[in-house]
């Protein structure tokens, strides 16, 4: 089945804006232009990849393609969409702005989800979905809470209870839409001192999600795909690095090698039980496609003295393809080979693969 693949990294910003006509910020537009060829890493031989500039994408991908021994990929730009023979479309993530653009560029409407489905998927991408799933993943050795707040007073109550919290916008891209607060922000009357950010997010998106702050030891995640028949398939572990909440890079290693790394911190039995619980309990309505769940290993205390390592099994559910899925498409076959995939910005965004230190 011929597929049109699309890398639209502005997806979560578009969800937050919830506009049919939407102009992404410059950084997102540049990332899309520079790395639009990424879907070539998982596309089939007769598929198409929609890019900003087909010839530039071919050149940018060619060196990596030869290094990996991958087949050629057909890159197309928007002017070719109305003439393509494709049976399905697989973007990084679905949103109203993308559908509007694809219609405007001539892609047949029959290939695109209708408005009601887009609205349903947008609600599933709300961070409350992560909170709901989290409640079904509570096992011995895990930790994690999240509360949806629709006014500043509720946020203040959470802060008073937990002493230190993370406040998140319902829809936001990696590293954005997240703020940290401690009790110094509470006045003598127990009210949160003026915070326009929280008020603005509640006004624009209806609520914020509030969670206790945890002393993070390690980030990682699990990648999945929900099939047309409703079955959820596990794809693999994602061991990644972030800085100030923003994605930096992924470890490229076999599943066994990544499991061995996690086993230094947690029992693998706990990891497998969580994986199965996600497969059995995640509720995604009629969504089909890839999704990822970010997790973290935390210290039970703010200091390492007499602390115990615990698993936070659902920091965030990403209802889209993730950089973890990209990393899985580059998995080496040898347990002894470990590399790092990272994205670097100089004058342009570039994807680099190097040996792990």
Protein backbone atom coordinates (compact mmCIF):
# COMPACT_ATOMS: atom_id res chain seq x y z
CA UNK A 1 0.00 0.00 0.00
CA UNK A 2 1.66 3.20 -1.17
CA UNK A 3 1.98 5.71 1.66
CA UNK A 4 2.71 9.41 1.84
CA UNK A 5 4.88 10.17 4.87
CA UNK A 6 5.18 13.64 6.41
CA UNK A 7 7.48 15.05 9.07
CA UNK A 8 5.54 17.90 10.72
CA UNK A 9 7.44 18.70 13.95
CA UNK A 10 5.18 21.71 14.59
CA UNK A 11 2.36 19.27 15.34
CA UNK A 12 2.01 19.87 19.09
CA UNK A 13 2.22 23.65 18.68
CA UNK A 14 -0.56 23.33 16.12
CA UNK A 15 -2.65 21.30 18.58
CA UNK A 16 -2.28 24.03 21.18
CA UNK A 17 -3.27 26.74 18.69
CA UNK A 18 -6.16 24.59 17.36
CA UNK A 19 -6.41 26.62 14.16
CA UNK A 20 -7.12 25.41 10.64
CA UNK A 21 -4.80 28.11 9.31
CA UNK A 22 -1.63 28.19 11.37
CA UNK A 23 1.89 29.57 10.87
CA UNK A 24 4.47 27.71 12.98
CA UNK A 25 7.33 29.60 14.66
CA UNK A 26 10.55 29.97 12.70
CA UNK A 27 12.43 27.20 14.55
CA UNK A 28 9.73 24.64 13.74
CA UNK A 29 9.65 25.70 10.08
CA UNK A 30 13.41 25.37 9.82
CA UNK A 31 13.42 21.95 11.52
CA UNK A 32 10.77 20.78 9.05
CA UNK A 33 12.69 22.14 6.06
CA UNK A 34 16.05 20.71 7.15
CA UNK A 35 14.92 17.28 8.39
CA UNK A 36 11.83 16.68 6.28
CA UNK A 37 13.57 13.61 4.83
CA UNK A 38 13.46 11.72 8.18
CA UNK A 39 10.51 9.45 7.23
CA UNK A 40 12.76 7.89 4.58
CA UNK A 41 14.22 5.92 7.48
CA UNK A 42 11.00 3.92 7.89
CA UNK A 43 9.22 4.36 4.55
CA UNK A 44 8.81 1.39 2.21
CA UNK A 45 10.53 1.36 -1.17
CA UNK A 46 7.52 2.56 -3.18
CA UNK A 47 6.35 5.17 -0.63
CA UNK A 48 6.65 8.95 -0.91
CA UNK A 49 8.02 11.49 1.57
CA UNK A 50 6.61 15.03 1.44
CA UNK A 51 9.34 17.66 1.89
CA UNK A 52 9.81 21.38 1.38
CA UNK A 53 12.51 20.96 -1.27
CA UNK A 54 12.84 17.56 -2.93
CA UNK A 55 16.33 17.97 -4.41
CA UNK A 56 17.83 19.37 -1.20
CA UNK A 57 16.26 16.51 0.79
CA UNK A 58 17.75 13.94 -1.56
CA UNK A 59 21.20 15.44 -1.08
CA UNK A 60 20.84 15.67 2.71
CA UNK A 61 19.69 12.06 2.99
CA UNK A 62 22.10 10.54 0.46
CA UNK A 63 25.19 10.30 2.66
CA UNK A 64 23.26 8.62 5.48
CA UNK A 65 21.43 6.38 2.99
CA UNK A 66 24.69 5.04 1.60
CA UNK A 67 26.15 4.59 5.07
CA UNK A 68 23.11 2.59 6.19
CA UNK A 69 22.68 0.71 2.93
CA UNK A 70 19.07 1.86 2.56
CA UNK A 71 17.12 1.91 -0.74
CA UNK A 72 16.33 5.12 -2.59
CA UNK A 73 13.30 7.13 -1.44
CA UNK A 74 10.97 9.22 -3.57
CA UNK A 75 10.85 12.76 -2.19
CA UNK A 76 8.01 15.00 -3.41
CA UNK A 77 6.98 18.58 -2.76
CA UNK A 78 3.52 20.08 -2.41
CA UNK A 79 3.17 20.80 -6.15
CA UNK A 80 3.11 17.04 -6.84
CA UNK A 81 0.49 16.00 -4.29
CA UNK A 82 -2.55 16.13 -6.60
CA UNK A 83 -0.88 13.66 -9.00
CA UNK A 84 0.34 11.04 -6.54
CA UNK A 85 -1.01 7.49 -6.47
CA UNK A 86 -1.16 6.90 -2.71
CA UNK A 87 -3.59 4.92 -0.55
CA UNK A 88 -2.80 6.39 2.86
CA UNK A 89 -1.09 9.27 4.64
CA UNK A 90 1.13 8.89 7.70
CA UNK A 91 2.30 12.18 9.23
CA UNK A 92 4.38 12.70 12.36
CA UNK A 93 1.07 13.67 13.97
CA UNK A 94 -2.43 14.63 12.82
CA UNK A 95 -3.79 18.14 13.39
CA UNK A 96 -6.28 20.49 11.75
CA UNK A 97 -3.62 22.77 10.26
CA UNK A 98 -1.93 19.88 8.46
CA UNK A 99 -5.23 18.64 7.00
CA UNK A 100 -6.06 22.16 5.79
CA UNK A 101 -2.70 22.45 4.06
CA UNK A 102 -2.94 19.01 2.42
CA UNK A 103 -6.42 19.81 1.09
CA UNK A 104 -5.20 23.15 -0.25
CA UNK A 105 -2.28 21.45 -1.98
CA UNK A 106 -4.58 19.02 -3.79
CA UNK A 107 -4.42 15.77 -1.82
CA UNK A 108 -7.75 13.88 -2.15
CA UNK A 109 -10.07 14.48 0.82
CA UNK A 110 -10.80 10.73 1.05
CA UNK A 111 -7.25 10.21 2.37
CA UNK A 112 -7.69 12.66 5.23
CA UNK A 113 -9.46 12.37 8.61
CA UNK A 114 -12.67 14.34 9.06
CA UNK A 115 -12.99 17.17 11.60
CA UNK A 116 -14.74 15.06 14.26
CA UNK A 117 -11.88 12.54 14.30
CA UNK A 118 -9.29 15.30 14.47
CA UNK A 119 -11.14 16.83 17.43
CA UNK A 120 -11.22 13.46 19.17
CA UNK A 121 -7.52 12.85 18.64
CA UNK A 122 -6.70 16.34 19.88
CA UNK A 123 -8.56 15.60 23.12
CA UNK A 124 -6.64 12.33 23.46
CA UNK A 125 -3.38 14.29 23.07
CA UNK A 126 -4.36 16.42 26.10
CA UNK A 127 -2.10 15.68 29.07
CA UNK A 128 -5.10 14.44 31.06
CA UNK A 129 -4.85 11.24 28.98
CA UNK A 130 -1.42 10.67 30.52
CA UNK A 131 -2.88 11.20 34.00
CA UNK A 132 -5.67 8.69 33.35
CA UNK A 133 -3.24 6.06 32.09
CA UNK A 134 -0.93 6.72 35.04
CA UNK A 135 -3.65 5.70 37.48
CA UNK A 136 -3.80 2.23 35.87
CA UNK A 137 -0.02 1.74 36.06
CA UNK A 138 0.38 1.90 39.83
CA UNK A 139 2.42 -1.07 40.94
CA UNK A 140 4.87 -1.57 43.78
CA UNK A 141 8.03 0.26 42.80
CA UNK A 142 6.26 3.02 40.88
CA UNK A 143 5.43 6.63 41.67
CA UNK A 144 3.46 9.40 39.99
CA UNK A 145 0.47 11.70 40.39
CA UNK A 146 -1.13 14.35 38.22
CA UNK A 147 -4.09 16.68 38.80
CA UNK A 148 -5.94 18.82 36.28
CA UNK A 149 -6.59 22.34 37.60
CA UNK A 150 -8.95 24.86 36.06
CA UNK A 151 -8.04 27.86 38.26
CA UNK A 152 -5.05 29.33 40.08
CA UNK A 153 -6.48 28.48 43.51
CA UNK A 154 -6.42 24.76 42.69
CA UNK A 155 -2.79 25.07 41.59
CA UNK A 156 -1.98 26.82 44.89
CA UNK A 157 -3.64 23.97 46.82
CA UNK A 158 -1.49 21.41 44.99
CA UNK A 159 1.64 23.43 45.70
CA UNK A 160 0.73 23.69 49.39
CA UNK A 161 0.25 19.91 49.50
CA UNK A 162 3.32 18.82 47.50
CA UNK A 163 5.68 21.75 48.37
CA UNK A 164 7.26 21.66 44.93
CA UNK A 165 5.37 21.09 41.67
CA UNK A 166 5.61 20.97 37.91
CA UNK A 167 2.85 22.81 36.04
CA UNK A 168 2.23 21.84 32.42
CA UNK A 169 0.10 23.25 29.64
CA UNK A 170 -2.33 20.60 28.29
CA UNK A 171 -0.83 20.86 24.80
CA UNK A 172 2.76 21.95 24.28
CA UNK A 173 5.89 20.88 22.44
CA UNK A 174 9.01 19.39 23.99
CA UNK A 175 10.64 21.68 26.55
CA UNK A 176 7.88 24.28 26.30
CA UNK A 177 4.72 24.78 28.28
CA UNK A 178 6.31 23.58 31.54
CA UNK A 179 6.98 25.62 34.70
CA UNK A 180 8.42 24.70 38.11
CA UNK A 181 7.13 26.16 41.40
CA UNK A 182 7.97 25.78 45.08
CA UNK A 183 6.31 27.11 48.23
CA UNK A 184 8.22 30.40 47.99
CA UNK A 185 5.58 31.36 45.44
CA UNK A 186 2.81 31.05 48.03
CA UNK A 187 1.77 34.16 49.93
CA UNK A 188 0.92 34.25 53.63
CA UNK A 189 -2.73 33.75 52.74
CA UNK A 190 -1.91 30.51 50.91
CA UNK A 191 -2.60 32.02 47.50
CA UNK A 192 -0.24 31.67 44.57
CA UNK A 193 1.44 34.97 43.98
CA UNK A 194 0.52 36.59 40.67
CA UNK A 195 1.40 34.29 37.81
CA UNK A 196 0.19 35.41 34.44
CA UNK A 197 1.54 32.32 32.68
CA UNK A 198 -0.84 29.97 34.52
CA UNK A 199 -3.77 32.33 33.99
CA UNK A 200 -3.02 32.66 30.29
CA UNK A 201 -2.73 28.90 29.75
CA UNK A 202 -6.03 28.29 31.59
CA UNK A 203 -7.69 31.01 29.52
CA UNK A 204 -6.37 29.62 26.23
CA UNK A 205 -6.46 25.86 26.88
CA UNK A 206 -8.99 25.49 29.72
CA UNK A 207 -6.74 24.05 32.42
CA UNK A 208 -3.22 23.12 33.48
CA UNK A 209 -1.84 19.81 34.73
CA UNK A 210 -0.03 19.86 38.08
CA UNK A 211 2.33 17.15 39.30
CA UNK A 212 4.67 16.78 42.26
CA UNK A 213 8.30 17.47 41.46
CA UNK A 214 10.46 14.33 41.36
CA UNK A 215 14.23 14.00 41.63
CA UNK A 216 14.95 12.54 38.20
CA UNK A 217 17.79 10.08 37.74
CA UNK A 218 17.21 8.98 34.12
CA UNK A 219 14.86 9.62 31.21
CA UNK A 220 13.61 6.84 28.96
CA UNK A 221 10.46 5.74 27.22
CA UNK A 222 8.56 2.98 25.49
CA UNK A 223 7.40 3.20 21.89
CA UNK A 224 4.21 1.60 20.60
CA UNK A 225 1.89 1.46 17.61
CA UNK A 226 -1.88 1.00 17.58
CA UNK A 227 -3.01 -1.04 14.59
CA UNK A 228 -6.20 -0.76 12.55
CA UNK A 229 -7.68 -3.75 14.42
CA UNK A 230 -7.22 -1.95 17.76
CA UNK A 231 -4.28 -4.04 18.95
CA UNK A 232 -1.39 -2.20 20.59
CA UNK A 233 2.07 -3.41 19.59
CA UNK A 234 5.22 -2.70 21.56
CA UNK A 235 8.03 -1.33 19.37
CA UNK A 236 10.94 -0.96 21.78
CA UNK A 237 12.69 1.05 24.47
CA UNK A 238 13.83 4.62 23.88
CA UNK A 239 16.77 5.84 25.95
CA UNK A 240 17.07 9.55 25.35
CA UNK A 241 18.65 12.69 26.77
CA UNK A 242 17.03 16.08 27.42
CA UNK A 243 18.28 19.50 28.50
CA UNK A 244 15.83 21.88 30.16
CA UNK A 245 13.06 19.58 28.95
CA UNK A 246 14.15 19.77 25.30
CA UNK A 247 15.19 16.68 23.34
CA UNK A 248 18.92 16.25 22.67
CA UNK A 249 19.47 12.72 21.40
CA UNK A 250 18.85 8.95 21.58
CA UNK A 251 20.97 5.90 22.26
CA UNK A 252 21.08 3.50 19.30
CA UNK A 253 21.43 -0.04 20.66
CA UNK A 254 19.67 -3.37 20.56
CA UNK A 255 16.69 -3.97 22.81
CA UNK A 256 18.71 -6.36 24.97
CA UNK A 257 21.48 -3.80 25.41
CA UNK A 258 18.98 -1.12 26.42
CA UNK A 259 17.25 -3.48 28.84
CA UNK A 260 20.61 -4.22 30.43
CA UNK A 261 21.13 -0.49 31.00
CA UNK A 262 17.71 -0.09 32.64
CA UNK A 263 18.36 -3.17 34.77
CA UNK A 264 21.07 -1.19 36.58
CA UNK A 265 18.27 0.90 38.07
CA UNK A 266 15.07 -1.18 38.08
CA UNK A 267 13.95 -4.82 38.06
CA UNK A 268 13.18 -5.86 34.49
CA UNK A 269 10.10 -7.67 35.77
CA UNK A 270 8.65 -4.27 36.74
CA UNK A 271 9.45 -2.90 33.30
CA UNK A 272 7.74 -5.83 31.58
CA UNK A 273 4.67 -5.60 33.83
CA UNK A 274 4.30 -1.89 33.03
CA UNK A 275 4.67 -2.59 29.31
CA UNK A 276 1.88 -5.17 29.44
CA UNK A 277 -0.35 -2.90 31.51
CA UNK A 278 0.03 -0.16 28.90
CA UNK A 279 -0.91 -2.59 26.13
CA UNK A 280 -3.95 -3.75 28.10
CA UNK A 281 -5.15 -0.42 29.49
CA UNK A 282 -4.35 2.46 27.14
CA UNK A 283 -7.59 3.92 25.75
CA UNK A 284 -7.10 5.61 22.37
CA UNK A 285 -10.59 5.37 20.83
CA UNK A 286 -10.21 5.13 17.03
CA UNK A 287 -6.63 6.42 16.83
CA UNK A 288 -4.32 4.37 14.62
CA UNK A 289 -0.59 4.87 14.41
CA UNK A 290 2.54 5.28 16.53
CA UNK A 291 2.63 6.69 20.04
CA UNK A 292 5.21 6.92 22.77
CA UNK A 293 5.20 7.07 26.55
CA UNK A 294 7.94 9.01 28.33
CA UNK A 295 9.03 7.61 31.68
CA UNK A 296 11.70 8.39 34.22
CA UNK A 297 13.61 6.78 37.03
CA UNK A 298 13.50 8.90 40.18
CA UNK A 299 14.94 8.97 43.68
CA UNK A 300 12.31 8.53 46.37
CA UNK A 301 14.02 11.35 48.34
CA UNK A 302 15.49 14.66 47.21
CA UNK A 303 18.88 13.47 48.49
CA UNK A 304 20.50 10.16 47.58
CA UNK A 305 20.99 9.18 51.23
CA UNK A 306 18.82 6.15 52.07
CA UNK A 307 16.82 6.79 48.89
CA UNK A 308 15.18 4.19 46.71
CA UNK A 309 14.92 4.24 42.95
CA UNK A 310 11.35 4.22 41.63
CA UNK A 311 9.75 4.20 38.21
CA UNK A 312 7.46 6.97 37.02
CA UNK A 313 5.67 4.95 34.30
CA UNK A 314 3.87 7.75 32.44
CA UNK A 315 5.36 11.22 32.53
CA UNK A 316 3.75 11.92 29.17
CA UNK A 317 1.87 10.10 26.42
CA UNK A 318 2.80 11.40 22.96
CA UNK A 319 0.03 10.60 20.49
CA UNK A 320 2.33 10.80 17.48
CA UNK A 321 5.57 9.43 16.16
CA UNK A 322 8.53 10.32 18.37
CA UNK A 323 12.29 10.62 18.07
CA UNK A 324 12.32 7.30 19.87
CA UNK A 325 10.62 5.75 16.85
CA UNK A 326 13.26 7.37 14.65
CA UNK A 327 15.97 5.81 16.82
CA UNK A 328 14.32 2.40 16.56
CA UNK A 329 14.50 2.61 12.77
CA UNK A 330 18.30 2.89 13.19
CA UNK A 331 18.75 0.05 15.72
CA UNK A 332 22.01 -1.88 15.22
CA UNK A 333 21.88 -5.67 14.99
CA UNK A 334 24.90 -6.32 17.21
CA UNK A 335 24.56 -6.12 21.02
CA UNK A 336 28.10 -4.74 21.23
CA UNK A 337 27.41 -1.76 18.95
CA UNK A 338 26.19 1.40 20.64
CA UNK A 339 25.78 4.73 18.94
CA UNK A 340 24.14 8.04 19.69
CA UNK A 341 21.72 9.85 17.41
CA UNK A 342 21.41 13.56 18.05
CA UNK A 343 20.15 16.68 16.31
CA UNK A 344 22.49 19.63 16.08
CA UNK A 345 21.71 23.20 15.06
CA UNK A 346 24.41 25.34 13.47
CA UNK A 347 23.20 27.23 10.40
CA UNK A 348 20.83 24.31 9.77
CA UNK A 349 19.43 21.37 11.72
CA UNK A 350 21.39 18.19 11.07
CA UNK A 351 21.05 14.62 12.31
CA UNK A 352 24.31 13.06 13.45
CA UNK A 353 25.13 9.48 14.39
CA UNK A 354 28.32 8.78 16.33
CA UNK A 355 29.78 6.08 18.55
CA UNK A 356 28.59 6.16 22.14
CA UNK A 357 31.24 7.20 24.66
